[in-house]
Amino acid sequence: MSRNVKILTTGNHLKSRNFRNIETVIQELFDDAHEQIHLVTYVITDNTMWLIDMIEKSLRRGRFVKLIVNELNPSLKVTQKLFQLKKHYENFILVEFSKKYPGETIHAKTIVVDRRKAVIGSMNFTWGGMVGNHEIGVLIEGPEIEDLAYALDML
C-alpha cells in the first residue's frame, strides 16, 4: 500500500522550506486534474474568486466538479458566480449543505482530485483561510482517497 503525505501551511510563522503552501498545492491539483474534483468547505467568500476561476477553467476542460458549501451568502459575488456556473455547466454540482440537510452543518475542508489525491486541512475558502490565518493541512496520496471521494459522493 503506497501512501504519500506532505504537510501544508499558510501564515508567516509556519513558513518553512519543508512545508508547502496550501494555495499553491490547490492550484497544482486543479491543473493536474483529469476527471473530477470534489471540494468541501464551511464557507466561501469573494476573496477567493481565484478558486472560482479555477473551477470554471476545469469545467471548460470537461472535468466534473462538485462543490459542497455549508451555506452560501446570496449577497456575495462568489455566490452569484457559482449559480451562473451551475446553470451553464452540467458537469458542475453545487450543494448548499444546510439547505439539503436542514439543521445539520458540514465543517470539513477537503479537496479530492481524481479520487487519488486529497488536501485535508483547517482552512476555509476565504482570504483568512488561504492567506491571513495560520492554517495546517495535509496532501495525501494513496488508496484511502477512493473512500474519501465515495463519502463525498454521498453528500
N, C-alpha and C. Protein backbone atom coordinates (compact mmCIF):
# COMPACT_ATOMS: atom_id res chain seq x y z
N MET A 1 0.84 -1.17 0.00
CA MET A 1 0.00 0.00 0.00
C MET A 1 0.89 1.24 0.00
N SER A 2 0.92 1.96 -1.11
CA SER A 2 1.76 3.14 -1.23
C SER A 2 1.00 4.37 -0.75
N ARG A 3 1.61 5.11 0.15
CA ARG A 3 0.96 6.29 0.70
C ARG A 3 2.00 7.41 0.78
N ASN A 4 1.56 8.60 0.43
CA ASN A 4 2.43 9.75 0.47
C ASN A 4 1.69 10.87 1.18
N VAL A 5 2.30 11.48 2.20
CA VAL A 5 1.67 12.55 2.96
C VAL A 5 2.67 13.70 3.07
N LYS A 6 2.19 14.91 2.76
CA LYS A 6 3.01 16.11 2.89
C LYS A 6 2.26 17.14 3.73
N ILE A 7 2.98 17.88 4.56
CA ILE A 7 2.39 18.92 5.40
C ILE A 7 2.29 20.21 4.59
N LEU A 8 1.14 20.88 4.69
CA LEU A 8 0.88 22.14 4.01
C LEU A 8 0.55 23.20 5.04
N THR A 9 0.89 24.45 4.75
CA THR A 9 0.63 25.51 5.72
C THR A 9 0.29 26.82 5.03
N THR A 10 -0.25 27.75 5.80
CA THR A 10 -0.32 29.16 5.47
C THR A 10 0.11 29.91 6.72
N GLY A 11 0.47 31.18 6.55
CA GLY A 11 0.83 32.00 7.70
C GLY A 11 2.33 32.18 7.84
N ASN A 12 2.73 33.38 8.21
CA ASN A 12 4.15 33.73 8.30
C ASN A 12 4.95 32.85 9.26
N HIS A 13 4.37 32.47 10.38
CA HIS A 13 5.13 31.72 11.38
C HIS A 13 5.26 30.25 11.02
N LEU A 14 4.55 29.81 10.00
CA LEU A 14 4.64 28.41 9.58
C LEU A 14 5.40 28.24 8.27
N LYS A 15 5.94 29.35 7.74
CA LYS A 15 6.72 29.25 6.50
C LYS A 15 8.01 28.48 6.78
N SER A 16 8.27 27.55 5.94
CA SER A 16 9.47 26.73 6.06
C SER A 16 9.72 26.08 4.72
N ARG A 17 10.96 25.79 4.43
CA ARG A 17 11.23 25.11 3.16
C ARG A 17 10.73 23.67 3.19
N ASN A 18 10.38 23.17 4.36
CA ASN A 18 9.86 21.80 4.47
C ASN A 18 8.35 21.74 4.27
N PHE A 19 7.66 22.88 4.38
CA PHE A 19 6.21 22.91 4.24
C PHE A 19 5.84 23.59 2.92
N ARG A 20 4.82 23.06 2.26
CA ARG A 20 4.33 23.67 1.03
C ARG A 20 3.13 24.55 1.36
N ASN A 21 2.90 25.57 0.55
CA ASN A 21 1.79 26.48 0.73
C ASN A 21 0.50 25.83 0.24
N ILE A 22 -0.54 25.92 1.04
CA ILE A 22 -1.83 25.29 0.72
C ILE A 22 -2.38 25.78 -0.62
N GLU A 23 -2.41 27.10 -0.83
CA GLU A 23 -2.98 27.65 -2.06
C GLU A 23 -2.22 27.16 -3.29
N THR A 24 -0.90 27.11 -3.20
CA THR A 24 -0.09 26.64 -4.33
C THR A 24 -0.41 25.19 -4.67
N VAL A 25 -0.55 24.36 -3.66
CA VAL A 25 -0.86 22.94 -3.89
C VAL A 25 -2.25 22.79 -4.50
N ILE A 26 -3.22 23.58 -4.04
CA ILE A 26 -4.56 23.53 -4.62
C ILE A 26 -4.51 23.88 -6.10
N GLN A 27 -3.76 24.91 -6.45
CA GLN A 27 -3.63 25.29 -7.86
C GLN A 27 -3.02 24.16 -8.68
N GLU A 28 -2.01 23.51 -8.15
CA GLU A 28 -1.38 22.39 -8.85
C GLU A 28 -2.35 21.23 -9.03
N LEU A 29 -3.14 20.94 -8.00
CA LEU A 29 -4.12 19.85 -8.10
C LEU A 29 -5.14 20.13 -9.19
N PHE A 30 -5.63 21.35 -9.25
CA PHE A 30 -6.59 21.71 -10.30
C PHE A 30 -5.97 21.56 -11.68
N ASP A 31 -4.74 22.02 -11.83
CA ASP A 31 -4.06 21.92 -13.13
C ASP A 31 -3.84 20.46 -13.55
N ASP A 32 -3.62 19.58 -12.58
CA ASP A 32 -3.33 18.17 -12.87
C ASP A 32 -4.58 17.29 -12.96
N ALA A 33 -5.74 17.84 -12.63
CA ALA A 33 -6.97 17.03 -12.63
C ALA A 33 -7.32 16.56 -14.04
N HIS A 34 -7.65 15.28 -14.15
CA HIS A 34 -8.03 14.70 -15.43
C HIS A 34 -9.52 14.40 -15.52
N GLU A 35 -10.16 14.09 -14.39
CA GLU A 35 -11.55 13.65 -14.43
C GLU A 35 -12.47 14.44 -13.51
N GLN A 36 -12.13 14.49 -12.21
CA GLN A 36 -13.08 15.08 -11.27
C GLN A 36 -12.40 15.75 -10.10
N ILE A 37 -13.14 16.73 -9.56
CA ILE A 37 -12.67 17.47 -8.39
C ILE A 37 -13.85 17.60 -7.43
N HIS A 38 -13.63 17.21 -6.19
CA HIS A 38 -14.60 17.41 -5.12
C HIS A 38 -14.02 18.46 -4.17
N LEU A 39 -14.83 19.43 -3.79
CA LEU A 39 -14.42 20.44 -2.82
C LEU A 39 -15.47 20.52 -1.73
N VAL A 40 -15.02 20.62 -0.50
CA VAL A 40 -15.92 20.80 0.64
C VAL A 40 -15.35 21.91 1.51
N THR A 41 -16.23 22.85 1.91
CA THR A 41 -15.80 23.92 2.79
C THR A 41 -16.99 24.40 3.62
N TYR A 42 -16.70 24.95 4.75
CA TYR A 42 -17.75 25.52 5.57
C TYR A 42 -18.24 26.83 4.95
N VAL A 43 -17.30 27.64 4.47
CA VAL A 43 -17.65 28.95 3.93
C VAL A 43 -16.74 29.30 2.77
N ILE A 44 -17.28 30.10 1.85
CA ILE A 44 -16.50 30.62 0.72
C ILE A 44 -16.87 32.09 0.58
N THR A 45 -15.85 32.94 0.31
CA THR A 45 -16.10 34.38 0.23
C THR A 45 -15.54 34.95 -1.07
N ASP A 46 -15.87 36.23 -1.31
CA ASP A 46 -15.45 36.91 -2.53
C ASP A 46 -13.93 36.97 -2.68
N ASN A 47 -13.20 36.87 -1.59
CA ASN A 47 -11.74 36.95 -1.65
C ASN A 47 -11.11 35.72 -2.30
N THR A 48 -11.90 34.72 -2.60
CA THR A 48 -11.35 33.52 -3.24
C THR A 48 -11.93 33.32 -4.64
N MET A 49 -12.14 34.42 -5.35
CA MET A 49 -12.61 34.30 -6.73
C MET A 49 -11.59 33.56 -7.59
N TRP A 50 -10.30 33.57 -7.19
CA TRP A 50 -9.29 32.80 -7.91
C TRP A 50 -9.68 31.33 -7.94
N LEU A 51 -10.28 30.84 -6.87
CA LEU A 51 -10.71 29.44 -6.81
C LEU A 51 -11.88 29.21 -7.77
N ILE A 52 -12.80 30.15 -7.84
CA ILE A 52 -13.94 30.03 -8.75
C ILE A 52 -13.44 30.05 -10.19
N ASP A 53 -12.43 30.87 -10.46
CA ASP A 53 -11.84 30.89 -11.80
C ASP A 53 -11.23 29.53 -12.14
N MET A 54 -10.58 28.90 -11.17
CA MET A 54 -10.00 27.56 -11.41
C MET A 54 -11.10 26.52 -11.61
N ILE A 55 -12.19 26.64 -10.86
CA ILE A 55 -13.33 25.74 -11.06
C ILE A 55 -13.87 25.89 -12.47
N GLU A 56 -14.06 27.14 -12.91
CA GLU A 56 -14.60 27.36 -14.25
C GLU A 56 -13.65 26.83 -15.33
N LYS A 57 -12.38 27.04 -15.16
CA LYS A 57 -11.39 26.52 -16.12
C LYS A 57 -11.47 25.00 -16.19
N SER A 58 -11.61 24.35 -15.04
CA SER A 58 -11.73 22.89 -15.00
C SER A 58 -13.02 22.42 -15.68
N LEU A 59 -14.10 23.15 -15.46
CA LEU A 59 -15.37 22.81 -16.11
C LEU A 59 -15.25 22.93 -17.62
N ARG A 60 -14.60 24.00 -18.09
CA ARG A 60 -14.40 24.18 -19.54
C ARG A 60 -13.55 23.05 -20.12
N ARG A 61 -12.66 22.50 -19.32
CA ARG A 61 -11.81 21.39 -19.77
C ARG A 61 -12.54 20.04 -19.67
N GLY A 62 -13.82 20.08 -19.26
CA GLY A 62 -14.62 18.86 -19.21
C GLY A 62 -14.51 18.08 -17.92
N ARG A 63 -13.91 18.65 -16.90
CA ARG A 63 -13.80 17.97 -15.61
C ARG A 63 -15.12 18.07 -14.86
N PHE A 64 -15.46 17.03 -14.13
CA PHE A 64 -16.62 17.05 -13.23
C PHE A 64 -16.18 17.74 -11.95
N VAL A 65 -16.96 18.71 -11.49
CA VAL A 65 -16.64 19.42 -10.25
C VAL A 65 -17.86 19.40 -9.35
N LYS A 66 -17.65 18.99 -8.11
CA LYS A 66 -18.70 19.04 -7.09
C LYS A 66 -18.19 19.91 -5.94
N LEU A 67 -18.93 20.97 -5.64
CA LEU A 67 -18.59 21.88 -4.55
C LEU A 67 -19.68 21.80 -3.51
N ILE A 68 -19.29 21.46 -2.29
CA ILE A 68 -20.20 21.39 -1.16
C ILE A 68 -19.82 22.51 -0.20
N VAL A 69 -20.76 23.43 0.04
CA VAL A 69 -20.55 24.56 0.94
C VAL A 69 -21.65 24.49 1.99
N ASN A 70 -21.31 24.75 3.24
CA ASN A 70 -22.34 24.67 4.26
C ASN A 70 -23.50 25.61 3.96
N GLU A 71 -23.18 26.88 3.71
CA GLU A 71 -24.24 27.85 3.42
C GLU A 71 -23.65 28.95 2.55
N LEU A 72 -24.40 29.33 1.52
CA LEU A 72 -23.95 30.39 0.62
C LEU A 72 -24.65 31.69 0.97
N ASN A 73 -23.89 32.77 0.96
CA ASN A 73 -24.44 34.10 1.20
C ASN A 73 -24.89 34.68 -0.14
N PRO A 74 -26.21 34.85 -0.37
CA PRO A 74 -26.70 35.30 -1.67
C PRO A 74 -26.24 36.70 -2.08
N SER A 75 -25.76 37.50 -1.14
CA SER A 75 -25.33 38.85 -1.47
C SER A 75 -23.89 38.91 -1.99
N LEU A 76 -23.17 37.80 -1.93
CA LEU A 76 -21.78 37.79 -2.37
C LEU A 76 -21.66 37.53 -3.87
N LYS A 77 -20.67 38.15 -4.49
CA LYS A 77 -20.39 37.92 -5.91
C LYS A 77 -20.02 36.47 -6.17
N VAL A 78 -19.31 35.87 -5.24
CA VAL A 78 -18.90 34.47 -5.42
C VAL A 78 -20.12 33.56 -5.53
N THR A 79 -21.14 33.83 -4.74
CA THR A 79 -22.37 33.02 -4.79
C THR A 79 -23.06 33.20 -6.13
N GLN A 80 -23.15 34.42 -6.58
CA GLN A 80 -23.79 34.68 -7.88
C GLN A 80 -23.04 33.97 -9.00
N LYS A 81 -21.72 33.99 -8.95
CA LYS A 81 -20.91 33.31 -9.97
C LYS A 81 -21.11 31.80 -9.90
N LEU A 82 -21.18 31.25 -8.71
CA LEU A 82 -21.41 29.80 -8.58
C LEU A 82 -22.75 29.39 -9.17
N PHE A 83 -23.78 30.19 -8.95
CA PHE A 83 -25.09 29.87 -9.52
C PHE A 83 -25.07 29.99 -11.05
N GLN A 84 -24.29 30.94 -11.57
CA GLN A 84 -24.12 31.04 -13.03
C GLN A 84 -23.44 29.78 -13.58
N LEU A 85 -22.41 29.33 -12.89
CA LEU A 85 -21.71 28.12 -13.33
C LEU A 85 -22.64 26.92 -13.30
N LYS A 86 -23.47 26.85 -12.26
CA LYS A 86 -24.41 25.73 -12.13
C LYS A 86 -25.39 25.70 -13.30
N LYS A 87 -25.82 26.87 -13.75
CA LYS A 87 -26.75 26.94 -14.89
C LYS A 87 -26.06 26.59 -16.21
N HIS A 88 -24.81 26.96 -16.33
CA HIS A 88 -24.11 26.84 -17.61
C HIS A 88 -23.44 25.49 -17.83
N TYR A 89 -23.02 24.82 -16.75
CA TYR A 89 -22.25 23.57 -16.88
C TYR A 89 -22.99 22.42 -16.22
N GLU A 90 -23.33 21.42 -17.00
CA GLU A 90 -23.99 20.25 -16.40
C GLU A 90 -22.99 19.36 -15.66
N ASN A 91 -21.70 19.57 -15.84
CA ASN A 91 -20.68 18.81 -15.12
C ASN A 91 -20.29 19.50 -13.80
N PHE A 92 -21.15 20.44 -13.33
CA PHE A 92 -20.92 21.13 -12.06
C PHE A 92 -22.08 20.88 -11.12
N ILE A 93 -21.77 20.34 -9.96
CA ILE A 93 -22.78 20.14 -8.93
C ILE A 93 -22.44 21.05 -7.76
N LEU A 94 -23.40 21.86 -7.37
CA LEU A 94 -23.26 22.78 -6.25
C LEU A 94 -24.23 22.35 -5.17
N VAL A 95 -23.71 22.03 -4.00
CA VAL A 95 -24.54 21.58 -2.89
C VAL A 95 -24.43 22.59 -1.76
N GLU A 96 -25.57 23.17 -1.38
CA GLU A 96 -25.63 24.01 -0.19
C GLU A 96 -26.11 23.10 0.93
N PHE A 97 -25.18 22.61 1.72
CA PHE A 97 -25.40 21.55 2.68
C PHE A 97 -26.54 21.87 3.65
N SER A 98 -26.54 23.08 4.20
CA SER A 98 -27.55 23.43 5.21
C SER A 98 -28.96 23.46 4.64
N LYS A 99 -29.10 23.64 3.33
CA LYS A 99 -30.43 23.59 2.71
C LYS A 99 -30.81 22.16 2.34
N LYS A 100 -29.83 21.38 1.94
CA LYS A 100 -30.10 19.98 1.59
C LYS A 100 -30.39 19.16 2.84
N TYR A 101 -29.70 19.49 3.93
CA TYR A 101 -29.86 18.77 5.20
C TYR A 101 -30.17 19.79 6.30
N PRO A 102 -31.43 20.29 6.37
CA PRO A 102 -31.78 21.33 7.36
C PRO A 102 -31.43 20.91 8.79
N GLY A 103 -30.87 21.85 9.52
CA GLY A 103 -30.50 21.61 10.91
C GLY A 103 -29.13 20.95 11.06
N GLU A 104 -28.48 20.62 9.95
CA GLU A 104 -27.16 19.98 10.00
C GLU A 104 -26.11 20.93 9.43
N THR A 105 -24.86 20.69 9.79
CA THR A 105 -23.74 21.53 9.37
C THR A 105 -22.63 20.65 8.82
N ILE A 106 -21.98 21.13 7.77
CA ILE A 106 -20.74 20.48 7.33
C ILE A 106 -19.62 21.46 7.60
N HIS A 107 -18.59 20.99 8.26
CA HIS A 107 -17.49 21.86 8.67
C HIS A 107 -16.17 21.37 8.09
N ALA A 108 -16.20 20.38 7.23
CA ALA A 108 -14.99 19.82 6.63
C ALA A 108 -14.37 20.80 5.65
N LYS A 109 -13.08 20.69 5.47
CA LYS A 109 -12.33 21.46 4.47
C LYS A 109 -11.47 20.45 3.71
N THR A 110 -11.94 20.09 2.52
CA THR A 110 -11.32 19.00 1.79
C THR A 110 -11.39 19.26 0.29
N ILE A 111 -10.36 18.85 -0.42
CA ILE A 111 -10.36 18.82 -1.88
C ILE A 111 -9.85 17.44 -2.28
N VAL A 112 -10.59 16.78 -3.16
CA VAL A 112 -10.19 15.47 -3.68
C VAL A 112 -10.13 15.57 -5.19
N VAL A 113 -9.02 15.14 -5.77
CA VAL A 113 -8.83 15.21 -7.22
C VAL A 113 -8.62 13.81 -7.77
N ASP A 114 -9.45 13.47 -8.74
CA ASP A 114 -9.35 12.19 -9.46
C ASP A 114 -9.33 10.97 -8.55
N ARG A 115 -9.89 11.12 -7.37
CA ARG A 115 -10.01 10.02 -6.42
C ARG A 115 -8.64 9.44 -6.04
N ARG A 116 -7.59 10.25 -6.21
CA ARG A 116 -6.24 9.74 -5.92
C ARG A 116 -5.41 10.67 -5.05
N LYS A 117 -5.77 11.97 -5.01
CA LYS A 117 -5.05 12.93 -4.18
C LYS A 117 -6.07 13.76 -3.41
N ALA A 118 -5.70 14.15 -2.18
CA ALA A 118 -6.61 14.98 -1.38
C ALA A 118 -5.82 15.96 -0.52
N VAL A 119 -6.41 17.13 -0.34
CA VAL A 119 -5.94 18.08 0.65
C VAL A 119 -7.01 18.13 1.72
N ILE A 120 -6.60 17.90 2.94
CA ILE A 120 -7.49 17.98 4.09
C ILE A 120 -6.84 18.94 5.08
N GLY A 121 -7.60 19.94 5.53
CA GLY A 121 -6.99 20.90 6.43
C GLY A 121 -7.99 21.71 7.20
N SER A 122 -7.48 22.74 7.84
CA SER A 122 -8.30 23.59 8.70
C SER A 122 -8.82 24.82 7.97
N MET A 123 -8.44 25.02 6.72
CA MET A 123 -8.71 26.25 6.00
C MET A 123 -10.05 26.27 5.30
N ASN A 124 -10.76 27.40 5.44
CA ASN A 124 -11.93 27.68 4.62
C ASN A 124 -11.48 28.36 3.35
N PHE A 125 -12.37 28.48 2.38
CA PHE A 125 -12.06 29.19 1.14
C PHE A 125 -12.39 30.66 1.32
N THR A 126 -11.57 31.30 2.14
CA THR A 126 -11.69 32.72 2.46
C THR A 126 -10.28 33.31 2.39
N TRP A 127 -10.19 34.63 2.46
CA TRP A 127 -8.87 35.26 2.48
C TRP A 127 -8.10 34.77 3.71
N GLY A 128 -8.77 34.75 4.85
CA GLY A 128 -8.10 34.28 6.06
C GLY A 128 -7.62 32.86 5.94
N GLY A 129 -8.47 31.99 5.41
CA GLY A 129 -8.11 30.58 5.29
C GLY A 129 -6.96 30.30 4.34
N MET A 130 -6.82 31.13 3.32
CA MET A 130 -5.79 30.89 2.32
C MET A 130 -4.54 31.75 2.52
N VAL A 131 -4.69 32.90 3.21
CA VAL A 131 -3.57 33.83 3.30
C VAL A 131 -3.34 34.32 4.73
N GLY A 132 -4.37 34.88 5.35
CA GLY A 132 -4.21 35.62 6.59
C GLY A 132 -4.00 34.78 7.84
N ASN A 133 -4.66 33.64 7.91
CA ASN A 133 -4.56 32.80 9.12
C ASN A 133 -3.35 31.89 9.05
N HIS A 134 -3.06 31.28 10.17
CA HIS A 134 -2.08 30.21 10.23
C HIS A 134 -2.87 28.90 10.19
N GLU A 135 -2.84 28.26 9.04
CA GLU A 135 -3.61 27.04 8.81
C GLU A 135 -2.66 25.89 8.54
N ILE A 136 -3.12 24.70 8.83
CA ILE A 136 -2.33 23.49 8.59
C ILE A 136 -3.21 22.49 7.85
N GLY A 137 -2.61 21.83 6.89
CA GLY A 137 -3.31 20.80 6.15
C GLY A 137 -2.35 19.72 5.72
N VAL A 138 -2.88 18.72 5.09
CA VAL A 138 -2.05 17.64 4.55
C VAL A 138 -2.47 17.34 3.12
N LEU A 139 -1.49 17.01 2.31
CA LEU A 139 -1.71 16.48 0.98
C LEU A 139 -1.48 14.99 1.09
N ILE A 140 -2.49 14.22 0.72
CA ILE A 140 -2.42 12.76 0.86
C ILE A 140 -2.60 12.11 -0.50
N GLU A 141 -1.77 11.14 -0.79
CA GLU A 141 -1.94 10.30 -1.97
C GLU A 141 -1.94 8.86 -1.48
N GLY A 142 -2.91 8.09 -1.91
CA GLY A 142 -2.97 6.70 -1.50
C GLY A 142 -4.34 6.12 -1.73
N PRO A 143 -4.47 4.84 -1.50
CA PRO A 143 -5.74 4.15 -1.80
C PRO A 143 -6.92 4.61 -0.95
N GLU A 144 -6.67 5.18 0.21
CA GLU A 144 -7.76 5.64 1.07
C GLU A 144 -8.53 6.81 0.45
N ILE A 145 -7.92 7.50 -0.48
CA ILE A 145 -8.57 8.65 -1.10
C ILE A 145 -9.82 8.22 -1.86
N GLU A 146 -9.82 7.02 -2.40
CA GLU A 146 -11.03 6.50 -3.06
C GLU A 146 -12.20 6.47 -2.08
N ASP A 147 -11.95 6.04 -0.85
CA ASP A 147 -13.01 6.01 0.17
C ASP A 147 -13.48 7.42 0.53
N LEU A 148 -12.55 8.35 0.61
CA LEU A 148 -12.90 9.74 0.90
C LEU A 148 -13.79 10.30 -0.21
N ALA A 149 -13.43 10.05 -1.47
CA ALA A 149 -14.24 10.51 -2.59
C ALA A 149 -15.63 9.88 -2.55
N TYR A 150 -15.70 8.63 -2.20
CA TYR A 150 -17.00 7.95 -2.08
C TYR A 150 -17.86 8.63 -1.02
N ALA A 151 -17.27 9.00 0.11
CA ALA A 151 -18.02 9.68 1.17
C ALA A 151 -18.58 11.00 0.63
N LEU A 152 -17.79 11.73 -0.17
CA LEU A 152 -18.26 13.00 -0.72
C LEU A 152 -19.32 12.78 -1.78
N ASP A 153 -19.24 11.68 -2.50
CA ASP A 153 -20.30 11.35 -3.48
C ASP A 153 -21.66 11.22 -2.80
N MET A 154 -21.65 10.76 -1.56
CA MET A 154 -22.90 10.51 -0.84
C MET A 154 -23.60 11.79 -0.38
N LEU A 155 -22.88 12.90 -0.36
CA LEU A 155 -23.45 14.17 0.12
C LEU A 155 -24.16 14.93 -0.98
